[in-house]
Amino acid sequence: LAFSIPMAWWERSFRRWLARKVNPDDGSVFTFDGSPKEIWYWFPP
């Protein structure tokens, strides 16, 4: 509703959460460190 301007920051936070919630059975972990500044300008249009 905010013209999708914050959408890239939502994507970054959601995908960090998603990486943490995907649990390999060997005890290792996924992480995500992407920067929203790389993609934010695609969402408002």
All heavy atoms as atom14 arrays in JSON, in Angstrom:
{
  "sequence": "LAFSIPMAWWERSFRRWLARKVNPDDGSVFTFDGSPKEIWYWFPP",
  "atom14_mask": [
    [1, 1, 1, 1, 1, 1, 1, 1, 0, 0, 0, 0, 0, 0],
    [1, 1, 1, 1, 1, 0, 0, 0, 0, 0, 0, 0, 0, 0],
    [1, 1, 1, 1, 1, 1, 1, 1, 1, 1, 1, 0, 0, 0],
    [1, 1, 1, 1, 1, 1, 0, 0, 0, 0, 0, 0, 0, 0],
    [1, 1, 1, 1, 1, 1, 1, 1, 0, 0, 0, 0, 0, 0],
    [1, 1, 1, 1, 1, 1, 1, 0, 0, 0, 0, 0, 0, 0],
    [1, 1, 1, 1, 1, 1, 1, 1, 0, 0, 0, 0, 0, 0],
    [1, 1, 1, 1, 1, 0, 0, 0, 0, 0, 0, 0, 0, 0],
    [1, 1, 1, 1, 1, 1, 1, 1, 1, 1, 1, 1, 1, 1],
    [1, 1, 1, 1, 1, 1, 1, 1, 1, 1, 1, 1, 1, 1],
    [1, 1, 1, 1, 1, 1, 1, 1, 1, 0, 0, 0, 0, 0],
    [1, 1, 1, 1, 1, 1, 1, 1, 1, 1, 1, 0, 0, 0],
    [1, 1, 1, 1, 1, 1, 0, 0, 0, 0, 0, 0, 0, 0],
    [1, 1, 1, 1, 1, 1, 1, 1, 1, 1, 1, 0, 0, 0],
    [1, 1, 1, 1, 1, 1, 1, 1, 1, 1, 1, 0, 0, 0],
    [1, 1, 1, 1, 1, 1, 1, 1, 1, 1, 1, 0, 0, 0],
    [1, 1, 1, 1, 1, 1, 1, 1, 1, 1, 1, 1, 1, 1],
    [1, 1, 1, 1, 1, 1, 1, 1, 0, 0, 0, 0, 0, 0],
    [1, 1, 1, 1, 1, 0, 0, 0, 0, 0, 0, 0, 0, 0],
    [1, 1, 1, 1, 1, 1, 1, 1, 1, 1, 1, 0, 0, 0],
    [1, 1, 1, 1, 1, 1, 1, 1, 1, 0, 0, 0, 0, 0],
    [1, 1, 1, 1, 1, 1, 1, 0, 0, 0, 0, 0, 0, 0],
    [1, 1, 1, 1, 1, 1, 1, 1, 0, 0, 0, 0, 0, 0],
    [1, 1, 1, 1, 1, 1, 1, 0, 0, 0, 0, 0, 0, 0],
    [1, 1, 1, 1, 1, 1, 1, 1, 0, 0, 0, 0, 0, 0],
    [1, 1, 1, 1, 1, 1, 1, 1, 0, 0, 0, 0, 0, 0],
    [1, 1, 1, 1, 0, 0, 0, 0, 0, 0, 0, 0, 0, 0],
    [1, 1, 1, 1, 1, 1, 0, 0, 0, 0, 0, 0, 0, 0],
    [1, 1, 1, 1, 1, 1, 1, 0, 0, 0, 0, 0, 0, 0],
    [1, 1, 1, 1, 1, 1, 1, 1, 1, 1, 1, 0, 0, 0],
    [1, 1, 1, 1, 1, 1, 1, 0, 0, 0, 0, 0, 0, 0],
    [1, 1, 1, 1, 1, 1, 1, 1, 1, 1, 1, 0, 0, 0],
    [1, 1, 1, 1, 1, 1, 1, 1, 0, 0, 0, 0, 0, 0],
    [1, 1, 1, 1, 0, 0, 0, 0, 0, 0, 0, 0, 0, 0],
    [1, 1, 1, 1, 1, 1, 0, 0, 0, 0, 0, 0, 0, 0],
    [1, 1, 1, 1, 1, 1, 1, 0, 0, 0, 0, 0, 0, 0],
    [1, 1, 1, 1, 1, 1, 1, 1, 1, 0, 0, 0, 0, 0],
    [1, 1, 1, 1, 1, 1, 1, 1, 1, 0, 0, 0, 0, 0],
    [1, 1, 1, 1, 1, 1, 1, 1, 0, 0, 0, 0, 0, 0],
    [1, 1, 1, 1, 1, 1, 1, 1, 1, 1, 1, 1, 1, 1],
    [1, 1, 1, 1, 1, 1, 1, 1, 1, 1, 1, 1, 0, 0],
    [1, 1, 1, 1, 1, 1, 1, 1, 1, 1, 1, 1, 1, 1],
    [1, 1, 1, 1, 1, 1, 1, 1, 1, 1, 1, 0, 0, 0],
    [1, 1, 1, 1, 1, 1, 1, 0, 0, 0, 0, 0, 0, 0],
    [1, 1, 1, 1, 1, 1, 1, 0, 0, 0, 0, 0, 0, 0]
  ],
  "atom14_positions": [
    [[0.81, -1.2, 0.0], [0.0, 0.0, 0.0], [0.85, 1.26, 0.0], [0.37, 2.33, -0.38], [-0.95, 0.0, 1.2], [-2.03, -1.09, 1.18], [-2.86, -1.05, 2.46], [-2.92, -0.95, -0.05], [0.0, 0.0, 0.0], [0.0, 0.0, 0.0], [0.0, 0.0, 0.0], [0.0, 0.0, 0.0], [0.0, 0.0, 0.0], [0.0, 0.0, 0.0]],
    [[2.11, 1.14, 0.43], [3.04, 2.28, 0.39], [3.75, 2.32, -0.95], [4.94, 2.64, -1.04], [4.03, 2.18, 1.53], [0.0, 0.0, 0.0], [0.0, 0.0, 0.0], [0.0, 0.0, 0.0], [0.0, 0.0, 0.0], [0.0, 0.0, 0.0], [0.0, 0.0, 0.0], [0.0, 0.0, 0.0], [0.0, 0.0, 0.0], [0.0, 0.0, 0.0]],
    [[3.02, 2.01, -2.03], [3.54, 2.01, -3.41], [4.75, 1.09, -3.57], [5.61, 1.32, -4.4], [3.89, 3.42, -3.86], [2.69, 4.34, -3.89], [2.47, 5.24, -2.86], [1.78, 4.28, -4.93], [1.37, 6.08, -2.88], [0.68, 5.11, -4.96], [0.46, 6.02, -3.93], [0.0, 0.0, 0.0], [0.0, 0.0, 0.0], [0.0, 0.0, 0.0]],
    [[4.81, 0.06, -2.72], [5.85, -0.99, -2.79], [7.26, -0.46, -2.55], [8.23, -1.18, -2.79], [5.8, -1.72, -4.14], [4.57, -2.39, -4.3], [0.0, 0.0, 0.0], [0.0, 0.0, 0.0], [0.0, 0.0, 0.0], [0.0, 0.0, 0.0], [0.0, 0.0, 0.0], [0.0, 0.0, 0.0], [0.0, 0.0, 0.0], [0.0, 0.0, 0.0]],
    [[7.4, 0.77, -2.09], [8.74, 1.31, -1.84], [9.48, 0.51, -0.77], [10.67, 0.22, -0.92], [8.65, 2.81, -1.45], [8.13, 3.62, -2.64], [10.01, 3.34, -0.99], [7.85, 5.07, -2.34], [0.0, 0.0, 0.0], [0.0, 0.0, 0.0], [0.0, 0.0, 0.0], [0.0, 0.0, 0.0], [0.0, 0.0, 0.0], [0.0, 0.0, 0.0]],
    [[8.82, 0.09, 0.34], [9.54, -0.7, 1.36], [9.66, -2.19, 1.01], [10.17, -2.97, 1.81], [8.69, -0.53, 2.63], [7.61, 0.44, 2.29], [7.46, 0.4, 0.81], [0.0, 0.0, 0.0], [0.0, 0.0, 0.0], [0.0, 0.0, 0.0], [0.0, 0.0, 0.0], [0.0, 0.0, 0.0], [0.0, 0.0, 0.0], [0.0, 0.0, 0.0]],
    [[9.19, -2.61, -0.18], [9.08, -4.03, -0.47], [10.42, -4.75, -0.45], [10.51, -5.91, -0.02], [8.41, -4.24, -1.83], [7.94, -5.67, -2.06], [6.63, -6.17, -0.92], [5.23, -5.28, -1.59], [0.0, 0.0, 0.0], [0.0, 0.0, 0.0], [0.0, 0.0, 0.0], [0.0, 0.0, 0.0], [0.0, 0.0, 0.0], [0.0, 0.0, 0.0]],
    [[11.48, -4.09, -0.9], [12.8, -4.74, -0.91], [13.27, -5.01, 0.51], [13.92, -6.03, 0.77], [13.82, -3.86, -1.64], [0.0, 0.0, 0.0], [0.0, 0.0, 0.0], [0.0, 0.0, 0.0], [0.0, 0.0, 0.0], [0.0, 0.0, 0.0], [0.0, 0.0, 0.0], [0.0, 0.0, 0.0], [0.0, 0.0, 0.0], [0.0, 0.0, 0.0]],
    [[12.94, -4.12, 1.45], [13.33, -4.34, 2.85], [12.49, -5.47, 3.44], [12.99, -6.24, 4.27], [13.16, -3.05, 3.64], [14.3, -2.11, 3.39], [15.41, -1.93, 4.19], [14.48, -1.24, 2.26], [16.25, -1.02, 3.62], [15.71, -0.57, 2.44], [13.73, -0.96, 1.13], [16.2, 0.37, 1.52], [14.21, -0.04, 0.22], [15.43, 0.61, 0.42]],
    [[11.23, -5.57, 3.02], [10.4, -6.72, 3.43], [11.01, -8.01, 2.89], [11.1, -9.0, 3.62], [8.98, -6.56, 2.9], [8.08, -7.7, 3.28], [7.31, -7.79, 4.4], [7.88, -8.92, 2.55], [6.62, -8.99, 4.41], [6.96, -9.7, 3.28], [8.38, -9.42, 1.36], [6.55, -10.96, 2.85], [7.97, -10.68, 0.92], [7.05, -11.43, 1.67]],
    [[11.41, -8.0, 1.62], [12.02, -9.19, 1.02], [13.26, -9.61, 1.79], [13.47, -10.8, 2.05], [12.38, -8.91, -0.45], [11.2, -8.84, -1.39], [10.69, -10.21, -1.81], [11.29, -11.22, -1.4], [9.68, -10.26, -2.54], [0.0, 0.0, 0.0], [0.0, 0.0, 0.0], [0.0, 0.0, 0.0], [0.0, 0.0, 0.0], [0.0, 0.0, 0.0]],
    [[14.12, -8.65, 2.16], [15.34, -8.98, 2.89], [15.01, -9.62, 4.23], [15.57, -10.66, 4.6], [16.18, -7.72, 3.07], [17.6, -7.96, 3.59], [17.71, -7.83, 5.11], [17.21, -6.58, 5.59], [17.96, -5.46, 5.68], [19.22, -5.48, 5.3], [17.43, -4.35, 6.16], [0.0, 0.0, 0.0], [0.0, 0.0, 0.0], [0.0, 0.0, 0.0]],
    [[14.09, -9.01, 4.99], [13.75, -9.54, 6.31], [13.06, -10.89, 6.2], [13.35, -11.82, 6.97], [12.84, -8.55, 7.05], [13.49, -7.31, 7.23], [0.0, 0.0, 0.0], [0.0, 0.0, 0.0], [0.0, 0.0, 0.0], [0.0, 0.0, 0.0], [0.0, 0.0, 0.0], [0.0, 0.0, 0.0], [0.0, 0.0, 0.0], [0.0, 0.0, 0.0]],
    [[12.12, -11.03, 5.25], [11.4, -12.28, 5.09], [12.34, -13.41, 4.7], [12.25, -14.52, 5.22], [10.3, -12.13, 4.03], [9.56, -13.4, 3.73], [8.64, -13.91, 4.63], [9.81, -14.1, 2.56], [7.96, -15.09, 4.36], [9.14, -15.28, 2.28], [8.21, -15.78, 3.18], [0.0, 0.0, 0.0], [0.0, 0.0, 0.0], [0.0, 0.0, 0.0]],
    [[13.27, -13.14, 3.81], [14.17, -14.19, 3.35], [15.22, -14.54, 4.39], [15.7, -15.67, 4.43], [14.78, -13.81, 2.01], [13.73, -13.85, 0.91], [14.22, -13.37, -0.43], [13.09, -13.28, -1.36], [12.65, -14.28, -2.1], [13.24, -15.47, -2.04], [11.62, -14.13, -2.92], [0.0, 0.0, 0.0], [0.0, 0.0, 0.0], [0.0, 0.0, 0.0]],
    [[15.57, -13.62, 5.25], [16.41, -13.97, 6.4], [15.67, -14.93, 7.32], [16.24, -15.92, 7.79], [16.8, -12.7, 7.17], [17.96, -11.93, 6.59], [18.29, -10.76, 7.5], [19.48, -10.05, 7.04], [19.97, -8.95, 7.61], [19.34, -8.43, 8.66], [21.05, -8.38, 7.15], [0.0, 0.0, 0.0], [0.0, 0.0, 0.0], [0.0, 0.0, 0.0]],
    [[14.41, -14.59, 7.58], [13.59, -15.47, 8.42], [13.42, -16.84, 7.76], [13.54, -17.88, 8.41], [12.23, -14.82, 8.64], [11.21, -15.72, 9.28], [11.06, -16.0, 10.6], [10.2, -16.47, 8.58], [10.02, -16.87, 10.79], [9.47, -17.18, 9.58], [9.83, -16.6, 7.25], [8.4, -18.0, 9.26], [8.77, -17.43, 6.93], [8.07, -18.11, 7.92]],
    [[13.13, -16.85, 6.45], [12.94, -18.09, 5.73], [14.19, -18.96, 5.79], [14.1, -20.18, 6.0], [12.58, -17.79, 4.27], [12.35, -18.98, 3.34], [11.19, -19.83, 3.85], [12.07, -18.5, 1.93], [0.0, 0.0, 0.0], [0.0, 0.0, 0.0], [0.0, 0.0, 0.0], [0.0, 0.0, 0.0], [0.0, 0.0, 0.0], [0.0, 0.0, 0.0]],
    [[15.37, -18.35, 5.61], [16.62, -19.12, 5.67], [16.79, -19.78, 7.04], [17.23, -20.93, 7.13], [17.8, -18.21, 5.36], [0.0, 0.0, 0.0], [0.0, 0.0, 0.0], [0.0, 0.0, 0.0], [0.0, 0.0, 0.0], [0.0, 0.0, 0.0], [0.0, 0.0, 0.0], [0.0, 0.0, 0.0], [0.0, 0.0, 0.0], [0.0, 0.0, 0.0]],
    [[16.42, -19.06, 8.1], [16.54, -19.63, 9.45], [15.56, -20.76, 9.68], [15.82, -21.66, 10.49], [16.32, -18.54, 10.51], [17.4, -17.5, 10.6], [17.33, -16.78, 11.95], [16.0, -16.27, 12.21], [15.56, -15.07, 11.85], [16.36, -14.26, 11.18], [14.34, -14.66, 12.14], [0.0, 0.0, 0.0], [0.0, 0.0, 0.0], [0.0, 0.0, 0.0]],
    [[14.4, -20.71, 9.01], [13.36, -21.72, 9.22], [13.54, -22.97, 8.37], [12.79, -23.93, 8.53], [11.98, -21.1, 8.97], [11.6, -20.01, 9.96], [11.5, -20.55, 11.37], [11.08, -19.48, 12.36], [10.95, -20.01, 13.75], [0.0, 0.0, 0.0], [0.0, 0.0, 0.0], [0.0, 0.0, 0.0], [0.0, 0.0, 0.0], [0.0, 0.0, 0.0]],
    [[14.47, -22.95, 7.43], [14.8, -24.15, 6.66], [15.92, -24.86, 7.39], [17.06, -24.38, 7.41], [15.2, -23.8, 5.22], [15.61, -25.06, 4.47], [14.05, -23.12, 4.49], [0.0, 0.0, 0.0], [0.0, 0.0, 0.0], [0.0, 0.0, 0.0], [0.0, 0.0, 0.0], [0.0, 0.0, 0.0], [0.0, 0.0, 0.0], [0.0, 0.0, 0.0]],
    [[15.61, -25.98, 8.02], [16.53, -26.64, 8.94], [17.1, -27.92, 8.34], [16.39, -28.93, 8.2], [15.81, -26.97, 10.26], [15.09, -25.77, 10.84], [13.91, -25.83, 11.16], [15.79, -24.65, 10.97], [0.0, 0.0, 0.0], [0.0, 0.0, 0.0], [0.0, 0.0, 0.0], [0.0, 0.0, 0.0], [0.0, 0.0, 0.0], [0.0, 0.0, 0.0]],
    [[18.39, -27.94, 7.97], [19.04, -29.18, 7.53], [19.18, -30.15, 8.69], [19.37, -29.75, 9.85], [20.42, -28.71, 7.04], [20.26, -27.23, 6.8], [19.27, -26.76, 7.81], [0.0, 0.0, 0.0], [0.0, 0.0, 0.0], [0.0, 0.0, 0.0], [0.0, 0.0, 0.0], [0.0, 0.0, 0.0], [0.0, 0.0, 0.0], [0.0, 0.0, 0.0]],
    [[19.08, -31.46, 8.41], [19.11, -32.45, 9.49], [20.52, -32.76, 9.99], [20.68, -33.58, 10.9], [18.4, -33.74, 9.06], [19.18, -34.52, 8.01], [20.11, -33.96, 7.41], [18.86, -35.71, 7.79], [0.0, 0.0, 0.0], [0.0, 0.0, 0.0], [0.0, 0.0, 0.0], [0.0, 0.0, 0.0], [0.0, 0.0, 0.0], [0.0, 0.0, 0.0]],
    [[21.55, -32.1, 9.43], [22.9, -32.33, 9.93], [23.32, -31.26, 10.93], [24.46, -31.22, 11.37], [23.9, -32.38, 8.78], [24.03, -31.06, 8.04], [23.17, -30.17, 8.27], [24.97, -30.9, 7.23], [0.0, 0.0, 0.0], [0.0, 0.0, 0.0], [0.0, 0.0, 0.0], [0.0, 0.0, 0.0], [0.0, 0.0, 0.0], [0.0, 0.0, 0.0]],
    [[22.38, -30.37, 11.32], [22.68, -29.35, 12.32], [23.22, -28.06, 11.76], [23.41, -27.09, 12.51], [0.0, 0.0, 0.0], [0.0, 0.0, 0.0], [0.0, 0.0, 0.0], [0.0, 0.0, 0.0], [0.0, 0.0, 0.0], [0.0, 0.0, 0.0], [0.0, 0.0, 0.0], [0.0, 0.0, 0.0], [0.0, 0.0, 0.0], [0.0, 0.0, 0.0]],
    [[23.5, -27.99, 10.47], [24.0, -26.76, 9.87], [22.84, -25.79, 9.65], [21.67, -26.13, 9.86], [24.73, -27.05, 8.57], [23.88, -27.69, 7.65], [0.0, 0.0, 0.0], [0.0, 0.0, 0.0], [0.0, 0.0, 0.0], [0.0, 0.0, 0.0], [0.0, 0.0, 0.0], [0.0, 0.0, 0.0], [0.0, 0.0, 0.0], [0.0, 0.0, 0.0]],
    [[23.16, -24.57, 9.22], [22.12, -23.55, 9.05], [22.31, -22.82, 7.73], [23.4, -22.74, 7.18], [22.16, -22.51, 10.21], [21.82, -23.16, 11.53], [23.52, -21.82, 10.27], [0.0, 0.0, 0.0], [0.0, 0.0, 0.0], [0.0, 0.0, 0.0], [0.0, 0.0, 0.0], [0.0, 0.0, 0.0], [0.0, 0.0, 0.0], [0.0, 0.0, 0.0]],
    [[21.18, -22.3, 7.24], [21.19, -21.37, 6.12], [21.17, -19.94, 6.66], [20.53, -19.66, 7.68], [19.98, -21.57, 5.22], [20.07, -22.73, 4.28], [19.43, -23.93, 4.58], [20.79, -22.63, 3.1], [19.5, -25.01, 3.71], [20.88, -23.71, 2.23], [20.23, -24.9, 2.54], [0.0, 0.0, 0.0], [0.0, 0.0, 0.0], [0.0, 0.0, 0.0]],
    [[21.84, -19.03, 5.97], [21.76, -17.61, 6.29], [21.58, -16.84, 4.99], [21.82, -17.36, 3.89], [23.04, -17.11, 7.0], [24.19, -17.36, 6.17], [23.21, -17.79, 8.35], [0.0, 0.0, 0.0], [0.0, 0.0, 0.0], [0.0, 0.0, 0.0], [0.0, 0.0, 0.0], [0.0, 0.0, 0.0], [0.0, 0.0, 0.0], [0.0, 0.0, 0.0]],
    [[21.15, -15.59, 5.12], [20.96, -14.74, 3.95], [21.44, -13.34, 4.28], [21.09, -12.78, 5.32], [19.48, -14.7, 3.55], [19.2, -13.75, 2.42], [19.65, -14.03, 1.14], [18.51, -12.57, 2.63], [19.41, -13.15, 0.09], [18.25, -11.69, 1.6], [18.7, -11.98, 0.32], [0.0, 0.0, 0.0], [0.0, 0.0, 0.0], [0.0, 0.0, 0.0]],
    [[22.26, -12.76, 3.41], [22.84, -11.45, 3.68], [22.68, -10.47, 2.51], [23.48, -9.55, 2.35], [24.32, -11.58, 4.05], [25.16, -12.18, 2.92], [24.58, -12.48, 1.84], [26.37, -12.35, 3.11], [0.0, 0.0, 0.0], [0.0, 0.0, 0.0], [0.0, 0.0, 0.0], [0.0, 0.0, 0.0], [0.0, 0.0, 0.0], [0.0, 0.0, 0.0]],
    [[21.62, -10.63, 1.71], [21.41, -9.72, 0.59], [21.04, -8.32, 1.03], [20.4, -8.13, 2.07], [0.0, 0.0, 0.0], [0.0, 0.0, 0.0], [0.0, 0.0, 0.0], [0.0, 0.0, 0.0], [0.0, 0.0, 0.0], [0.0, 0.0, 0.0], [0.0, 0.0, 0.0], [0.0, 0.0, 0.0], [0.0, 0.0, 0.0], [0.0, 0.0, 0.0]],
    [[21.42, -7.32, 0.25], [21.11, -5.93, 0.56], [19.92, -5.45, -0.26], [19.9, -5.61, -1.48], [22.32, -5.04, 0.24], [21.97, -3.66, 0.31], [0.0, 0.0, 0.0], [0.0, 0.0, 0.0], [0.0, 0.0, 0.0], [0.0, 0.0, 0.0], [0.0, 0.0, 0.0], [0.0, 0.0, 0.0], [0.0, 0.0, 0.0], [0.0, 0.0, 0.0]],
    [[18.9, -4.84, 0.39], [17.73, -4.36, -0.35], [18.07, -3.23, -1.32], [17.31, -2.97, -2.26], [16.78, -3.9, 0.75], [17.63, -3.68, 1.94], [18.76, -4.65, 1.85], [0.0, 0.0, 0.0], [0.0, 0.0, 0.0], [0.0, 0.0, 0.0], [0.0, 0.0, 0.0], [0.0, 0.0, 0.0], [0.0, 0.0, 0.0], [0.0, 0.0, 0.0]],
    [[19.19, -2.56, -1.11], [19.57, -1.46, -2.0], [19.84, -1.95, -3.42], [19.82, -1.15, -4.36], [20.8, -0.75, -1.44], [20.56, -0.05, -0.12], [21.83, 0.62, 0.4], [21.59, 1.29, 1.74], [22.83, 1.93, 2.26], [0.0, 0.0, 0.0], [0.0, 0.0, 0.0], [0.0, 0.0, 0.0], [0.0, 0.0, 0.0], [0.0, 0.0, 0.0]],
    [[20.1, -3.24, -3.57], [20.39, -3.78, -4.89], [19.14, -3.97, -5.76], [19.25, -4.07, -6.99], [21.1, -5.13, -4.75], [22.43, -5.06, -4.01], [23.05, -6.43, -3.83], [22.76, -7.33, -4.65], [23.81, -6.63, -2.89], [0.0, 0.0, 0.0], [0.0, 0.0, 0.0], [0.0, 0.0, 0.0], [0.0, 0.0, 0.0], [0.0, 0.0, 0.0]],
    [[17.95, -3.99, -5.14], [16.75, -4.33, -5.92], [15.56, -3.41, -5.66], [14.54, -3.54, -6.34], [16.31, -5.78, -5.62], [15.96, -5.94, -4.13], [17.37, -6.78, -6.03], [15.26, -7.24, -3.81], [0.0, 0.0, 0.0], [0.0, 0.0, 0.0], [0.0, 0.0, 0.0], [0.0, 0.0, 0.0], [0.0, 0.0, 0.0], [0.0, 0.0, 0.0]],
    [[15.65, -2.46, -4.74], [14.47, -1.73, -4.28], [13.76, -0.97, -5.41], [12.53, -0.85, -5.42], [14.84, -0.75, -3.16], [15.58, 0.46, -3.65], [16.93, 0.61, -3.76], [15.0, 1.68, -4.1], [17.23, 1.85, -4.26], [16.06, 2.53, -4.48], [13.68, 2.15, -4.23], [15.84, 3.82, -4.98], [13.46, 3.43, -4.72], [14.54, 4.25, -5.09]],
    [[14.51, -0.48, -6.39], [13.94, 0.38, -7.42], [13.05, -0.37, -8.42], [12.35, 0.26, -9.22], [15.07, 1.09, -8.18], [16.23, 0.2, -8.56], [16.2, -0.59, -9.7], [17.37, 0.15, -7.74], [17.26, -1.4, -10.04], [18.43, -0.68, -8.07], [18.38, -1.45, -9.22], [19.43, -2.27, -9.54], [0.0, 0.0, 0.0], [0.0, 0.0, 0.0]],
    [[13.04, -1.71, -8.38], [12.17, -2.47, -9.28], [10.74, -2.56, -8.75], [9.8, -2.78, -9.52], [12.71, -3.89, -9.48], [13.93, -3.94, -10.33], [15.21, -4.23, -9.96], [13.99, -3.67, -11.74], [16.07, -4.18, -11.03], [15.35, -3.84, -12.13], [13.06, -3.33, -12.71], [15.76, -3.65, -13.46], [13.47, -3.15, -14.02], [14.81, -3.32, -14.37]],
    [[10.54, -2.39, -7.45], [9.23, -2.64, -6.85], [8.23, -1.5, -7.02], [7.04, -1.76, -7.27], [9.39, -2.99, -5.38], [10.0, -4.35, -5.17], [11.36, -4.48, -4.91], [9.24, -5.49, -5.25], [11.93, -5.72, -4.74], [9.8, -6.75, -5.08], [11.15, -6.86, -4.82], [0.0, 0.0, 0.0], [0.0, 0.0, 0.0], [0.0, 0.0, 0.0]],
    [[8.6, -0.21, -6.87], [7.59, 0.85, -7.03], [6.89, 0.84, -8.37], [5.64, 0.97, -8.41], [8.42, 2.14, -6.82], [9.52, 1.72, -5.9], [9.87, 0.33, -6.34], [0.0, 0.0, 0.0], [0.0, 0.0, 0.0], [0.0, 0.0, 0.0], [0.0, 0.0, 0.0], [0.0, 0.0, 0.0], [0.0, 0.0, 0.0], [0.0, 0.0, 0.0]],
    [[7.58, 0.68, -9.54], [6.82, 0.62, -10.81], [5.83, -0.53, -10.84], [4.71, -0.38, -11.35], [7.92, 0.44, -11.86], [9.16, 0.96, -11.23], [9.03, 0.64, -9.77], [0.0, 0.0, 0.0], [0.0, 0.0, 0.0], [0.0, 0.0, 0.0], [0.0, 0.0, 0.0], [0.0, 0.0, 0.0], [0.0, 0.0, 0.0], [0.0, 0.0, 0.0]]
  ]
}
